[in-house]
Amino acid sequence: MNSLIARTVIGLAIALAATAGQAQDAKAPVTAAKAVPGYLISNFTIRDQAAYQNYRDAARPIALKYKGKAIVRNANARKVEGNPQTVIAVLEFPSLADAESFYFSPEYTEAKKLRLGATEGSIVLTEGVVPPKQ
């Protein structure tokens, strides 16, 4: 009889321990899929260096506010195909939505006027690529 009680108590203890582990797993934070980064890609020629510097001074803190970081900036990019402008710049944002929020923000809309007066070129907003899990 004592061995039956002992086995029952041990069985219940094992069952409770397993259930507690499942409950902890259920409370564990769910790891979200990595967001696809967003990029602002600009290609332009500077026509007025002083005005362009004013634009850079105004735009930098706005980009940082929207979690943007410059990952490419070259004022003398080498042309190898087509007719690109001389300056290439790429800002990376956590997502395309963040890049769009930056570009269409009231603060950047004001700063953009400085760039438009100082440069000639184009800007593209696009999503990046997240490599598949291996």
C-alpha atoms as a PDB file:
ATOM      1  CA  MET A   1       0.000   0.000   0.000  1.00  0.00           C
ATOM      2  CA  ASN A   2       2.813   2.385   0.906  1.00  0.00           C
ATOM      3  CA  SER A   3       4.531   1.666  -2.408  1.00  0.00           C
ATOM      4  CA  LEU A   4       1.267   2.391  -4.271  1.00  0.00           C
ATOM      5  CA  ILE A   5       0.955   5.745  -2.510  1.00  0.00           C
ATOM      6  CA  ALA A   6       4.620   6.529  -3.180  1.00  0.00           C
ATOM      7  CA  ARG A   7       4.251   5.701  -6.879  1.00  0.00           C
ATOM      8  CA  THR A   8       1.096   7.818  -7.081  1.00  0.00           C
ATOM      9  CA  VAL A   9       2.815  10.786  -5.393  1.00  0.00           C
ATOM     10  CA  ILE A  10       5.852  10.445  -7.692  1.00  0.00           C
ATOM     11  CA  GLY A  11       3.573  10.203 -10.752  1.00  0.00           C
ATOM     12  CA  LEU A  12       1.677  13.327  -9.693  1.00  0.00           C
ATOM     13  CA  ALA A  13       4.934  15.188  -9.048  1.00  0.00           C
ATOM     14  CA  ILE A  14       6.217  14.289 -12.529  1.00  0.00           C
ATOM     15  CA  ALA A  15       2.907  15.329 -14.128  1.00  0.00           C
ATOM     16  CA  LEU A  16       2.896  18.653 -12.255  1.00  0.00           C
ATOM     17  CA  ALA A  17       6.500  19.349 -13.202  1.00  0.00           C
ATOM     18  CA  ALA A  18       5.748  18.684 -16.876  1.00  0.00           C
ATOM     19  CA  THR A  19       2.660  20.915 -16.741  1.00  0.00           C
ATOM     20  CA  ALA A  20       4.629  23.712 -15.051  1.00  0.00           C
ATOM     21  CA  GLY A  21       7.233  23.546 -17.803  1.00  0.00           C
ATOM     22  CA  GLN A  22       4.528  23.834 -20.464  1.00  0.00           C
ATOM     23  CA  ALA A  23       3.020  26.799 -18.639  1.00  0.00           C
ATOM     24  CA  GLN A  24       6.403  28.525 -18.562  1.00  0.00           C
ATOM     25  CA  ASP A  25       6.865  27.832 -22.286  1.00  0.00           C
ATOM     26  CA  ALA A  26       3.445  29.348 -22.948  1.00  0.00           C
ATOM     27  CA  LYS A  27       4.504  32.513 -21.093  1.00  0.00           C
ATOM     28  CA  ALA A  28       7.828  32.780 -22.933  1.00  0.00           C
ATOM     29  CA  PRO A  29       7.970  35.722 -25.326  1.00  0.00           C
ATOM     30  CA  VAL A  30       7.297  34.884 -28.931  1.00  0.00           C
ATOM     31  CA  THR A  31      10.247  35.790 -31.114  1.00  0.00           C
ATOM     32  CA  ALA A  32       8.974  37.937 -33.961  1.00  0.00           C
ATOM     33  CA  ALA A  33      10.290  37.431 -37.447  1.00  0.00           C
ATOM     34  CA  LYS A  34      13.016  39.899 -38.311  1.00  0.00           C
ATOM     35  CA  ALA A  35      11.568  42.935 -40.058  1.00  0.00           C
ATOM     36  CA  VAL A  36      12.688  43.561 -43.593  1.00  0.00           C
ATOM     37  CA  PRO A  37      14.801  46.734 -43.605  1.00  0.00           C
ATOM     38  CA  GLY A  38      13.784  49.721 -45.697  1.00  0.00           C
ATOM     39  CA  TYR A  39      16.148  51.853 -47.742  1.00  0.00           C
ATOM     40  CA  LEU A  40      16.215  55.367 -49.110  1.00  0.00           C
ATOM     41  CA  ILE A  41      18.549  55.356 -52.107  1.00  0.00           C
ATOM     42  CA  SER A  42      19.537  58.698 -53.562  1.00  0.00           C
ATOM     43  CA  ASN A  43      21.611  59.454 -56.640  1.00  0.00           C
ATOM     44  CA  PHE A  44      22.306  63.078 -57.463  1.00  0.00           C
ATOM     45  CA  THR A  45      24.727  65.772 -58.544  1.00  0.00           C
ATOM     46  CA  ILE A  46      25.429  68.678 -56.216  1.00  0.00           C
ATOM     47  CA  ARG A  47      24.883  72.051 -57.902  1.00  0.00           C
ATOM     48  CA  ASP A  48      25.339  74.278 -54.831  1.00  0.00           C
ATOM     49  CA  GLN A  49      27.753  72.898 -52.210  1.00  0.00           C
ATOM     50  CA  ALA A  50      26.880  75.420 -49.460  1.00  0.00           C
ATOM     51  CA  ALA A  51      23.136  74.844 -49.822  1.00  0.00           C
ATOM     52  CA  TYR A  52      23.718  71.084 -49.896  1.00  0.00           C
ATOM     53  CA  GLN A  53      25.678  71.292 -46.634  1.00  0.00           C
ATOM     54  CA  ASN A  54      22.731  73.164 -45.089  1.00  0.00           C
ATOM     55  CA  TYR A  55      20.490  70.307 -46.250  1.00  0.00           C
ATOM     56  CA  ARG A  56      22.780  67.679 -44.701  1.00  0.00           C
ATOM     57  CA  ASP A  57      22.896  69.599 -41.417  1.00  0.00           C
ATOM     58  CA  ALA A  58      19.088  69.776 -41.362  1.00  0.00           C
ATOM     59  CA  ALA A  59      18.355  66.210 -42.570  1.00  0.00           C
ATOM     60  CA  ARG A  60      20.770  64.232 -40.379  1.00  0.00           C
ATOM     61  CA  PRO A  61      18.972  64.660 -37.025  1.00  0.00           C
ATOM     62  CA  ILE A  62      15.641  63.968 -38.724  1.00  0.00           C
ATOM     63  CA  ALA A  63      16.932  60.698 -40.195  1.00  0.00           C
ATOM     64  CA  LEU A  64      18.263  59.678 -36.769  1.00  0.00           C
ATOM     65  CA  LYS A  65      14.874  60.462 -35.213  1.00  0.00           C
ATOM     66  CA  TYR A  66      13.300  57.987 -37.648  1.00  0.00           C
ATOM     67  CA  LYS A  67      16.021  55.375 -36.913  1.00  0.00           C
ATOM     68  CA  GLY A  68      17.796  55.908 -40.215  1.00  0.00           C
ATOM     69  CA  LYS A  69      21.506  55.396 -40.607  1.00  0.00           C
ATOM     70  CA  ALA A  70      23.760  56.148 -43.548  1.00  0.00           C
ATOM     71  CA  ILE A  71      25.325  52.964 -44.872  1.00  0.00           C
ATOM     72  CA  VAL A  72      26.616  54.377 -48.182  1.00  0.00           C
ATOM     73  CA  ARG A  73      27.671  57.893 -49.069  1.00  0.00           C
ATOM     74  CA  ASN A  74      30.091  58.591 -51.862  1.00  0.00           C
ATOM     75  CA  ALA A  75      30.432  61.929 -53.632  1.00  0.00           C
ATOM     76  CA  ASN A  76      32.574  60.374 -56.360  1.00  0.00           C
ATOM     77  CA  ALA A  77      30.865  57.085 -57.170  1.00  0.00           C
ATOM     78  CA  ARG A  78      32.426  55.396 -60.196  1.00  0.00           C
ATOM     79  CA  LYS A  79      30.112  55.166 -63.178  1.00  0.00           C
ATOM     80  CA  VAL A  80      30.261  51.756 -64.801  1.00  0.00           C
ATOM     81  CA  GLU A  81      26.949  51.612 -66.637  1.00  0.00           C
ATOM     82  CA  GLY A  82      24.220  54.010 -67.737  1.00  0.00           C
ATOM     83  CA  ASN A  83      24.123  57.679 -66.765  1.00  0.00           C
ATOM     84  CA  PRO A  84      24.060  57.856 -62.971  1.00  0.00           C
ATOM     85  CA  GLN A  85      24.730  61.079 -61.093  1.00  0.00           C
ATOM     86  CA  THR A  86      27.982  61.560 -59.167  1.00  0.00           C
ATOM     87  CA  VAL A  87      26.712  61.160 -55.577  1.00  0.00           C
ATOM     88  CA  ILE A  88      25.218  57.944 -54.226  1.00  0.00           C
ATOM     89  CA  ALA A  89      23.779  57.746 -50.718  1.00  0.00           C
ATOM     90  CA  VAL A  90      21.855  54.949 -49.015  1.00  0.00           C
ATOM     91  CA  LEU A  91      20.045  55.289 -45.700  1.00  0.00           C
ATOM     92  CA  GLU A  92      18.893  52.126 -43.944  1.00  0.00           C
ATOM     93  CA  PHE A  93      15.769  52.092 -41.762  1.00  0.00           C
ATOM     94  CA  PRO A  94      14.324  49.265 -39.639  1.00  0.00           C
ATOM     95  CA  SER A  95      11.477  48.908 -42.163  1.00  0.00           C
ATOM     96  CA  LEU A  96      10.076  50.437 -45.334  1.00  0.00           C
ATOM     97  CA  ALA A  97       7.357  52.020 -43.173  1.00  0.00           C
ATOM     98  CA  ASP A  98      10.080  53.798 -41.163  1.00  0.00           C
ATOM     99  CA  ALA A  99      11.748  55.017 -44.371  1.00  0.00           C
ATOM    100  CA  GLU A 100       8.406  56.314 -45.633  1.00  0.00           C
ATOM    101  CA  SER A 101       7.630  57.961 -42.288  1.00  0.00           C
ATOM    102  CA  PHE A 102      10.958  59.790 -42.526  1.00  0.00           C
ATOM    103  CA  TYR A 103      10.597  60.851 -46.167  1.00  0.00           C
ATOM    104  CA  PHE A 104       6.998  62.072 -45.839  1.00  0.00           C
ATOM    105  CA  SER A 105       7.439  63.650 -42.376  1.00  0.00           C
ATOM    106  CA  PRO A 106       6.746  67.379 -42.008  1.00  0.00           C
ATOM    107  CA  GLU A 107      10.330  67.894 -40.760  1.00  0.00           C
ATOM    108  CA  TYR A 108      11.939  66.233 -43.774  1.00  0.00           C
ATOM    109  CA  THR A 109       9.521  67.913 -46.176  1.00  0.00           C
ATOM    110  CA  GLU A 110      11.035  71.221 -45.041  1.00  0.00           C
ATOM    111  CA  ALA A 111      14.638  69.980 -45.208  1.00  0.00           C
ATOM    112  CA  LYS A 112      13.997  68.437 -48.634  1.00  0.00           C
ATOM    113  CA  LYS A 113      13.444  71.929 -50.061  1.00  0.00           C
ATOM    114  CA  LEU A 114      17.120  72.666 -49.344  1.00  0.00           C
ATOM    115  CA  ARG A 115      18.207  69.531 -51.223  1.00  0.00           C
ATOM    116  CA  LEU A 116      15.956  70.220 -54.183  1.00  0.00           C
ATOM    117  CA  GLY A 117      17.505  73.675 -54.542  1.00  0.00           C
ATOM    118  CA  ALA A 118      21.059  72.329 -54.262  1.00  0.00           C
ATOM    119  CA  THR A 119      21.006  69.083 -56.240  1.00  0.00           C
ATOM    120  CA  GLU A 120      19.663  67.331 -59.301  1.00  0.00           C
ATOM    121  CA  GLY A 121      18.842  63.641 -59.163  1.00  0.00           C
ATOM    122  CA  SER A 122      16.511  60.993 -57.832  1.00  0.00           C
ATOM    123  CA  ILE A 123      15.441  59.155 -54.685  1.00  0.00           C
ATOM    124  CA  VAL A 124      13.968  55.676 -54.391  1.00  0.00           C
ATOM    125  CA  LEU A 125      12.351  54.022 -51.356  1.00  0.00           C
ATOM    126  CA  THR A 126      12.525  50.228 -51.289  1.00  0.00           C
ATOM    127  CA  GLU A 127      12.475  47.175 -49.060  1.00  0.00           C
ATOM    128  CA  GLY A 128      15.594  45.157 -48.508  1.00  0.00           C
ATOM    129  CA  VAL A 129      16.003  41.396 -48.388  1.00  0.00           C
ATOM    130  CA  VAL A 130      16.135  39.182 -45.319  1.00  0.00           C
ATOM    131  CA  PRO A 131      17.970  35.955 -46.106  1.00  0.00           C
ATOM    132  CA  PRO A 132      15.955  32.787 -45.535  1.00  0.00           C
ATOM    133  CA  LYS A 133      16.579  30.852 -42.330  1.00  0.00           C
ATOM    134  CA  GLN A 134      19.088  28.061 -42.783  1.00  0.00           C
END
